[in-house]
Amino acid sequence: MTISARTAWSLFLRVLDLPQGSEVLMTSINIPDMVQIVKEYGLVPVPVDINIETTAPTLEDIKEVMSPKVILIV
């Protein structure tokens, strides 16, 4: 158990030990500071749009920003 979602996210990224420069797709609906934590691990946050009705990204939106460097989708 961790004390917050931010702590859990940081611990998760530390354990994964992802290569520097790897990309993380992130929607705009997120916990504050999650993007900053991604950056602190040398990862690159990539914004992905969401559908306003479902608050989820569409497959088309994900495909639009996908690259070989994408390693996580949040």
PDB file of N, CA and C in Angstrom:
ATOM      1  N   MET A   1       0.843  -1.163   0.000  1.00  0.00           N
ATOM      2  CA  MET A   1       0.000   0.000   0.000  1.00  0.00           C
ATOM      3  C   MET A   1       0.901   1.241   0.000  1.00  0.00           C
ATOM      4  N   THR A   2       0.429   2.290  -0.657  1.00  0.00           N
ATOM      5  CA  THR A   2       1.159   3.557  -0.672  1.00  0.00           C
ATOM      6  C   THR A   2       0.282   4.648  -0.079  1.00  0.00           C
ATOM      7  N   ILE A   3       0.900   5.797   0.178  1.00  0.00           N
ATOM      8  CA  ILE A   3       0.142   6.868   0.831  1.00  0.00           C
ATOM      9  C   ILE A   3      -0.673   7.707  -0.143  1.00  0.00           C
ATOM     10  N   SER A   4      -0.363   7.639  -1.441  1.00  0.00           N
ATOM     11  CA  SER A   4      -1.129   8.409  -2.417  1.00  0.00           C
ATOM     12  C   SER A   4      -0.967   7.799  -3.808  1.00  0.00           C
ATOM     13  N   ALA A   5      -1.824   8.242  -4.720  1.00  0.00           N
ATOM     14  CA  ALA A   5      -1.721   7.786  -6.106  1.00  0.00           C
ATOM     15  C   ALA A   5      -0.405   8.245  -6.718  1.00  0.00           C
ATOM     16  N   ARG A   6       0.060   9.435  -6.349  1.00  0.00           N
ATOM     17  CA  ARG A   6       1.321   9.938  -6.872  1.00  0.00           C
ATOM     18  C   ARG A   6       2.493   9.066  -6.422  1.00  0.00           C
ATOM     19  N   THR A   7       2.479   8.658  -5.177  1.00  0.00           N
ATOM     20  CA  THR A   7       3.531   7.788  -4.655  1.00  0.00           C
ATOM     21  C   THR A   7       3.498   6.444  -5.378  1.00  0.00           C
ATOM     22  N   ALA A   8       2.311   5.905  -5.574  1.00  0.00           N
ATOM     23  CA  ALA A   8       2.172   4.623  -6.269  1.00  0.00           C
ATOM     24  C   ALA A   8       2.672   4.737  -7.713  1.00  0.00           C
ATOM     25  N   TRP A   9       2.332   5.833  -8.388  1.00  0.00           N
ATOM     26  CA  TRP A   9       2.761   6.058  -9.762  1.00  0.00           C
ATOM     27  C   TRP A   9       4.286   6.137  -9.844  1.00  0.00           C
ATOM     28  N   SER A  10       4.880   6.877  -8.930  1.00  0.00           N
ATOM     29  CA  SER A  10       6.331   7.012  -8.898  1.00  0.00           C
ATOM     30  C   SER A  10       6.993   5.653  -8.650  1.00  0.00           C
ATOM     31  N   LEU A  11       6.478   4.903  -7.714  1.00  0.00           N
ATOM     32  CA  LEU A  11       7.012   3.579  -7.410  1.00  0.00           C
ATOM     33  C   LEU A  11       6.877   2.650  -8.618  1.00  0.00           C
ATOM     34  N   PHE A  12       5.729   2.702  -9.286  1.00  0.00           N
ATOM     35  CA  PHE A  12       5.481   1.895 -10.479  1.00  0.00           C
ATOM     36  C   PHE A  12       6.519   2.201 -11.560  1.00  0.00           C
ATOM     37  N   LEU A  13       6.753   3.489 -11.815  1.00  0.00           N
ATOM     38  CA  LEU A  13       7.732   3.877 -12.834  1.00  0.00           C
ATOM     39  C   LEU A  13       9.147   3.478 -12.425  1.00  0.00           C
ATOM     40  N   ARG A  14       9.451   3.585 -11.151  1.00  0.00           N
ATOM     41  CA  ARG A  14      10.782   3.191 -10.678  1.00  0.00           C
ATOM     42  C   ARG A  14      11.014   1.697 -10.902  1.00  0.00           C
ATOM     43  N   VAL A  15      10.023   0.888 -10.570  1.00  0.00           N
ATOM     44  CA  VAL A  15      10.150  -0.563 -10.719  1.00  0.00           C
ATOM     45  C   VAL A  15      10.257  -0.955 -12.198  1.00  0.00           C
ATOM     46  N   LEU A  16       9.506  -0.274 -13.068  1.00  0.00           N
ATOM     47  CA  LEU A  16       9.572  -0.587 -14.498  1.00  0.00           C
ATOM     48  C   LEU A  16      10.933  -0.263 -15.093  1.00  0.00           C
ATOM     49  N   ASP A  17      11.583   0.770 -14.574  1.00  0.00           N
ATOM     50  CA  ASP A  17      12.917   1.173 -15.045  1.00  0.00           C
ATOM     51  C   ASP A  17      12.950   1.262 -16.576  1.00  0.00           C
ATOM     52  N   LEU A  18      12.052   2.075 -17.117  1.00  0.00           N
ATOM     53  CA  LEU A  18      11.912   2.219 -18.563  1.00  0.00           C
ATOM     54  C   LEU A  18      13.065   3.008 -19.162  1.00  0.00           C
ATOM     55  N   PRO A  19      13.385   2.755 -20.420  1.00  0.00           N
ATOM     56  CA  PRO A  19      14.472   3.505 -21.069  1.00  0.00           C
ATOM     57  C   PRO A  19      14.153   5.004 -21.142  1.00  0.00           C
ATOM     58  N   GLN A  20      15.152   5.829 -20.878  1.00  0.00           N
ATOM     59  CA  GLN A  20      15.000   7.278 -20.986  1.00  0.00           C
ATOM     60  C   GLN A  20      14.505   7.615 -22.385  1.00  0.00           C
ATOM     61  N   GLY A  21      13.585   8.567 -22.473  1.00  0.00           N
ATOM     62  CA  GLY A  21      13.045   8.992 -23.761  1.00  0.00           C
ATOM     63  C   GLY A  21      11.841   8.199 -24.221  1.00  0.00           C
ATOM     64  N   SER A  22      11.480   7.143 -23.480  1.00  0.00           N
ATOM     65  CA  SER A  22      10.266   6.397 -23.820  1.00  0.00           C
ATOM     66  C   SER A  22       9.069   7.320 -23.653  1.00  0.00           C
ATOM     67  N   GLU A  23       8.028   7.085 -24.448  1.00  0.00           N
ATOM     68  CA  GLU A  23       6.849   7.949 -24.412  1.00  0.00           C
ATOM     69  C   GLU A  23       5.707   7.301 -23.640  1.00  0.00           C
ATOM     70  N   VAL A  24       4.964   8.159 -22.934  1.00  0.00           N
ATOM     71  CA  VAL A  24       3.812   7.731 -22.153  1.00  0.00           C
ATOM     72  C   VAL A  24       2.606   8.528 -22.640  1.00  0.00           C
ATOM     73  N   LEU A  25       1.617   7.853 -23.232  1.00  0.00           N
ATOM     74  CA  LEU A  25       0.399   8.543 -23.652  1.00  0.00           C
ATOM     75  C   LEU A  25      -0.419   8.848 -22.416  1.00  0.00           C
ATOM     76  N   MET A  26      -0.848  10.119 -22.305  1.00  0.00           N
ATOM     77  CA  MET A  26      -1.608  10.538 -21.125  1.00  0.00           C
ATOM     78  C   MET A  26      -2.787  11.400 -21.550  1.00  0.00           C
ATOM     79  N   THR A  27      -3.950  11.111 -20.997  1.00  0.00           N
ATOM     80  CA  THR A  27      -5.124  11.942 -21.265  1.00  0.00           C
ATOM     81  C   THR A  27      -5.088  13.163 -20.357  1.00  0.00           C
ATOM     82  N   SER A  28      -5.938  14.117 -20.670  1.00  0.00           N
ATOM     83  CA  SER A  28      -5.992  15.341 -19.873  1.00  0.00           C
ATOM     84  C   SER A  28      -6.699  15.125 -18.532  1.00  0.00           C
ATOM     85  N   ILE A  29      -7.407  14.025 -18.410  1.00  0.00           N
ATOM     86  CA  ILE A  29      -8.051  13.716 -17.130  1.00  0.00           C
ATOM     87  C   ILE A  29      -7.064  12.872 -16.341  1.00  0.00           C
ATOM     88  N   ASN A  30      -6.445  13.505 -15.372  1.00  0.00           N
ATOM     89  CA  ASN A  30      -5.397  12.838 -14.627  1.00  0.00           C
ATOM     90  C   ASN A  30      -5.230  13.494 -13.264  1.00  0.00           C
ATOM     91  N   ILE A  31      -4.506  12.841 -12.408  1.00  0.00           N
ATOM     92  CA  ILE A  31      -4.200  13.388 -11.089  1.00  0.00           C
ATOM     93  C   ILE A  31      -3.095  14.431 -11.256  1.00  0.00           C
ATOM     94  N   PRO A  32      -3.234  15.581 -10.594  1.00  0.00           N
ATOM     95  CA  PRO A  32      -2.185  16.598 -10.706  1.00  0.00           C
ATOM     96  C   PRO A  32      -0.801  16.010 -10.397  1.00  0.00           C
ATOM     97  N   ASP A  33       0.185  16.487 -11.078  1.00  0.00           N
ATOM     98  CA  ASP A  33       1.596  16.103 -10.907  1.00  0.00           C
ATOM     99  C   ASP A  33       1.984  14.791 -11.581  1.00  0.00           C
ATOM    100  N   MET A  34       1.043  14.057 -12.158  1.00  0.00           N
ATOM    101  CA  MET A  34       1.393  12.790 -12.803  1.00  0.00           C
ATOM    102  C   MET A  34       2.333  13.017 -13.990  1.00  0.00           C
ATOM    103  N   VAL A  35       2.092  14.097 -14.744  1.00  0.00           N
ATOM    104  CA  VAL A  35       2.957  14.413 -15.885  1.00  0.00           C
ATOM    105  C   VAL A  35       4.359  14.751 -15.396  1.00  0.00           C
ATOM    106  N   GLN A  36       4.449  15.526 -14.329  1.00  0.00           N
ATOM    107  CA  GLN A  36       5.754  15.904 -13.785  1.00  0.00           C
ATOM    108  C   GLN A  36       6.529  14.669 -13.320  1.00  0.00           C
ATOM    109  N   ILE A  37       5.849  13.721 -12.724  1.00  0.00           N
ATOM    110  CA  ILE A  37       6.510  12.491 -12.271  1.00  0.00           C
ATOM    111  C   ILE A  37       7.055  11.721 -13.469  1.00  0.00           C
ATOM    112  N   VAL A  38       6.285  11.659 -14.546  1.00  0.00           N
ATOM    113  CA  VAL A  38       6.746  10.994 -15.773  1.00  0.00           C
ATOM    114  C   VAL A  38       8.050  11.653 -16.245  1.00  0.00           C
ATOM    115  N   LYS A  39       8.066  12.974 -16.270  1.00  0.00           N
ATOM    116  CA  LYS A  39       9.250  13.711 -16.717  1.00  0.00           C
ATOM    117  C   LYS A  39      10.450  13.458 -15.804  1.00  0.00           C
ATOM    118  N   GLU A  40      10.217  13.333 -14.503  1.00  0.00           N
ATOM    119  CA  GLU A  40      11.309  13.106 -13.552  1.00  0.00           C
ATOM    120  C   GLU A  40      12.017  11.770 -13.798  1.00  0.00           C
ATOM    121  N   TYR A  41      11.334  10.835 -14.431  1.00  0.00           N
ATOM    122  CA  TYR A  41      11.947   9.544 -14.751  1.00  0.00           C
ATOM    123  C   TYR A  41      12.549   9.528 -16.155  1.00  0.00           C
ATOM    124  N   GLY A  42      12.646  10.706 -16.772  1.00  0.00           N
ATOM    125  CA  GLY A  42      13.254  10.804 -18.094  1.00  0.00           C
ATOM    126  C   GLY A  42      12.356  10.320 -19.215  1.00  0.00           C
ATOM    127  N   LEU A  43      11.070  10.212 -18.927  1.00  0.00           N
ATOM    128  CA  LEU A  43      10.100   9.769 -19.920  1.00  0.00           C
ATOM    129  C   LEU A  43       9.419  10.986 -20.539  1.00  0.00           C
ATOM    130  N   VAL A  44       8.798  10.792 -21.682  1.00  0.00           N
ATOM    131  CA  VAL A  44       8.173  11.895 -22.410  1.00  0.00           C
ATOM    132  C   VAL A  44       6.654  11.729 -22.399  1.00  0.00           C
ATOM    133  N   PRO A  45       5.929  12.626 -21.716  1.00  0.00           N
ATOM    134  CA  PRO A  45       4.473  12.548 -21.753  1.00  0.00           C
ATOM    135  C   PRO A  45       3.959  13.028 -23.112  1.00  0.00           C
ATOM    136  N   VAL A  46       3.033  12.275 -23.689  1.00  0.00           N
ATOM    137  CA  VAL A  46       2.431  12.631 -24.974  1.00  0.00           C
ATOM    138  C   VAL A  46       0.927  12.762 -24.747  1.00  0.00           C
ATOM    139  N   PRO A  47       0.373  13.962 -24.968  1.00  0.00           N
ATOM    140  CA  PRO A  47      -1.070  14.133 -24.738  1.00  0.00           C
ATOM    141  C   PRO A  47      -1.892  13.399 -25.785  1.00  0.00           C
ATOM    142  N   VAL A  48      -2.989  12.823 -25.333  1.00  0.00           N
ATOM    143  CA  VAL A  48      -3.944  12.170 -26.235  1.00  0.00           C
ATOM    144  C   VAL A  48      -5.327  12.737 -25.911  1.00  0.00           C
ATOM    145  N   ASP A  49      -6.058  13.118 -26.963  1.00  0.00           N
ATOM    146  CA  ASP A  49      -7.396  13.686 -26.786  1.00  0.00           C
ATOM    147  C   ASP A  49      -8.353  12.651 -26.215  1.00  0.00           C
ATOM    148  N   ILE A  50      -9.434  13.168 -25.641  1.00  0.00           N
ATOM    149  CA  ILE A  50     -10.494  12.292 -25.145  1.00  0.00           C
ATOM    150  C   ILE A  50     -11.813  12.677 -25.807  1.00  0.00           C
ATOM    151  N   ASN A  51     -12.713  11.735 -25.837  1.00  0.00           N
ATOM    152  CA  ASN A  51     -14.065  11.978 -26.310  1.00  0.00           C
ATOM    153  C   ASN A  51     -14.825  12.627 -25.154  1.00  0.00           C
ATOM    154  N   ILE A  52     -15.398  13.768 -25.379  1.00  0.00           N
ATOM    155  CA  ILE A  52     -16.082  14.509 -24.305  1.00  0.00           C
ATOM    156  C   ILE A  52     -17.262  13.742 -23.717  1.00  0.00           C
ATOM    157  N   GLU A  53     -17.892  12.889 -24.503  1.00  0.00           N
ATOM    158  CA  GLU A  53     -19.048  12.131 -24.017  1.00  0.00           C
ATOM    159  C   GLU A  53     -18.650  10.930 -23.162  1.00  0.00           C
ATOM    160  N   THR A  54     -17.506  10.320 -23.466  1.00  0.00           N
ATOM    161  CA  THR A  54     -17.102   9.119 -22.739  1.00  0.00           C
ATOM    162  C   THR A  54     -15.931   9.374 -21.794  1.00  0.00           C
ATOM    163  N   THR A  55     -15.294  10.521 -21.922  1.00  0.00           N
ATOM    164  CA  THR A  55     -14.069  10.890 -21.190  1.00  0.00           C
ATOM    165  C   THR A  55     -12.945   9.865 -21.384  1.00  0.00           C
ATOM    166  N   ALA A  56     -12.971   9.198 -22.524  1.00  0.00           N
ATOM    167  CA  ALA A  56     -11.932   8.223 -22.872  1.00  0.00           C
ATOM    168  C   ALA A  56     -11.396   8.560 -24.261  1.00  0.00           C
ATOM    169  N   PRO A  57     -10.161   8.204 -24.522  1.00  0.00           N
ATOM    170  CA  PRO A  57      -9.648   8.413 -25.880  1.00  0.00           C
ATOM    171  C   PRO A  57     -10.261   7.395 -26.830  1.00  0.00           C
ATOM    172  N   THR A  58     -10.411   7.790 -28.077  1.00  0.00           N
ATOM    173  CA  THR A  58     -10.877   6.838 -29.087  1.00  0.00           C
ATOM    174  C   THR A  58      -9.659   6.092 -29.630  1.00  0.00           C
ATOM    175  N   LEU A  59      -9.902   4.974 -30.234  1.00  0.00           N
ATOM    176  CA  LEU A  59      -8.824   4.204 -30.844  1.00  0.00           C
ATOM    177  C   LEU A  59      -8.129   5.047 -31.917  1.00  0.00           C
ATOM    178  N   GLU A  60      -8.909   5.837 -32.639  1.00  0.00           N
ATOM    179  CA  GLU A  60      -8.339   6.702 -33.674  1.00  0.00           C
ATOM    180  C   GLU A  60      -7.402   7.742 -33.064  1.00  0.00           C
ATOM    181  N   ASP A  61      -7.801   8.328 -31.929  1.00  0.00           N
ATOM    182  CA  ASP A  61      -6.947   9.320 -31.260  1.00  0.00           C
ATOM    183  C   ASP A  61      -5.641   8.687 -30.783  1.00  0.00           C
ATOM    184  N   ILE A  62      -5.727   7.476 -30.278  1.00  0.00           N
ATOM    185  CA  ILE A  62      -4.520   6.782 -29.816  1.00  0.00           C
ATOM    186  C   ILE A  62      -3.613   6.467 -31.001  1.00  0.00           C
ATOM    187  N   LYS A  63      -4.198   5.962 -32.085  1.00  0.00           N
ATOM    188  CA  LYS A  63      -3.403   5.647 -33.273  1.00  0.00           C
ATOM    189  C   LYS A  63      -2.701   6.891 -33.822  1.00  0.00           C
ATOM    190  N   GLU A  64      -3.360   8.040 -33.710  1.00  0.00           N
ATOM    191  CA  GLU A  64      -2.814   9.291 -34.239  1.00  0.00           C
ATOM    192  C   GLU A  64      -1.512   9.705 -33.542  1.00  0.00           C
ATOM    193  N   VAL A  65      -1.386   9.403 -32.261  1.00  0.00           N
ATOM    194  CA  VAL A  65      -0.196   9.826 -31.511  1.00  0.00           C
ATOM    195  C   VAL A  65       0.761   8.673 -31.199  1.00  0.00           C
ATOM    196  N   MET A  66       0.422   7.477 -31.643  1.00  0.00           N
ATOM    197  CA  MET A  66       1.295   6.323 -31.403  1.00  0.00           C
ATOM    198  C   MET A  66       2.615   6.465 -32.149  1.00  0.00           C
ATOM    199  N   SER A  67       3.656   6.004 -31.515  1.00  0.00           N
ATOM    200  CA  SER A  67       4.968   5.936 -32.152  1.00  0.00           C
ATOM    201  C   SER A  67       5.682   4.708 -31.596  1.00  0.00           C
ATOM    202  N   PRO A  68       6.787   4.316 -32.205  1.00  0.00           N
ATOM    203  CA  PRO A  68       7.524   3.165 -31.688  1.00  0.00           C
ATOM    204  C   PRO A  68       8.080   3.394 -30.260  1.00  0.00           C
ATOM    205  N   LYS A  69       8.127   4.652 -29.834  1.00  0.00           N
ATOM    206  CA  LYS A  69       8.648   4.945 -28.500  1.00  0.00           C
ATOM    207  C   LYS A  69       7.602   4.844 -27.397  1.00  0.00           C
ATOM    208  N   VAL A  70       6.314   4.730 -27.764  1.00  0.00           N
ATOM    209  CA  VAL A  70       5.260   4.651 -26.748  1.00  0.00           C
ATOM    210  C   VAL A  70       5.376   3.335 -26.010  1.00  0.00           C
ATOM    211  N   ILE A  71       5.446   3.434 -24.683  1.00  0.00           N
ATOM    212  CA  ILE A  71       5.634   2.245 -23.869  1.00  0.00           C
ATOM    213  C   ILE A  71       4.503   2.054 -22.849  1.00  0.00           C
ATOM    214  N   LEU A  72       3.768   3.156 -22.561  1.00  0.00           N
ATOM    215  CA  LEU A  72       2.651   3.106 -21.616  1.00  0.00           C
ATOM    216  C   LEU A  72       1.512   3.991 -22.112  1.00  0.00           C
ATOM    217  N   ILE A  73       0.286   3.627 -21.757  1.00  0.00           N
ATOM    218  CA  ILE A  73      -0.877   4.469 -21.997  1.00  0.00           C
ATOM    219  C   ILE A  73      -1.592   4.638 -20.659  1.00  0.00           C
ATOM    220  N   VAL A  74      -1.744   5.897 -20.249  1.00  0.00           N
ATOM    221  CA  VAL A  74      -2.389   6.192 -18.957  1.00  0.00           C
ATOM    222  C   VAL A  74      -3.735   6.838 -19.232  1.00  0.00           C
TER     223      VAL A  74
END
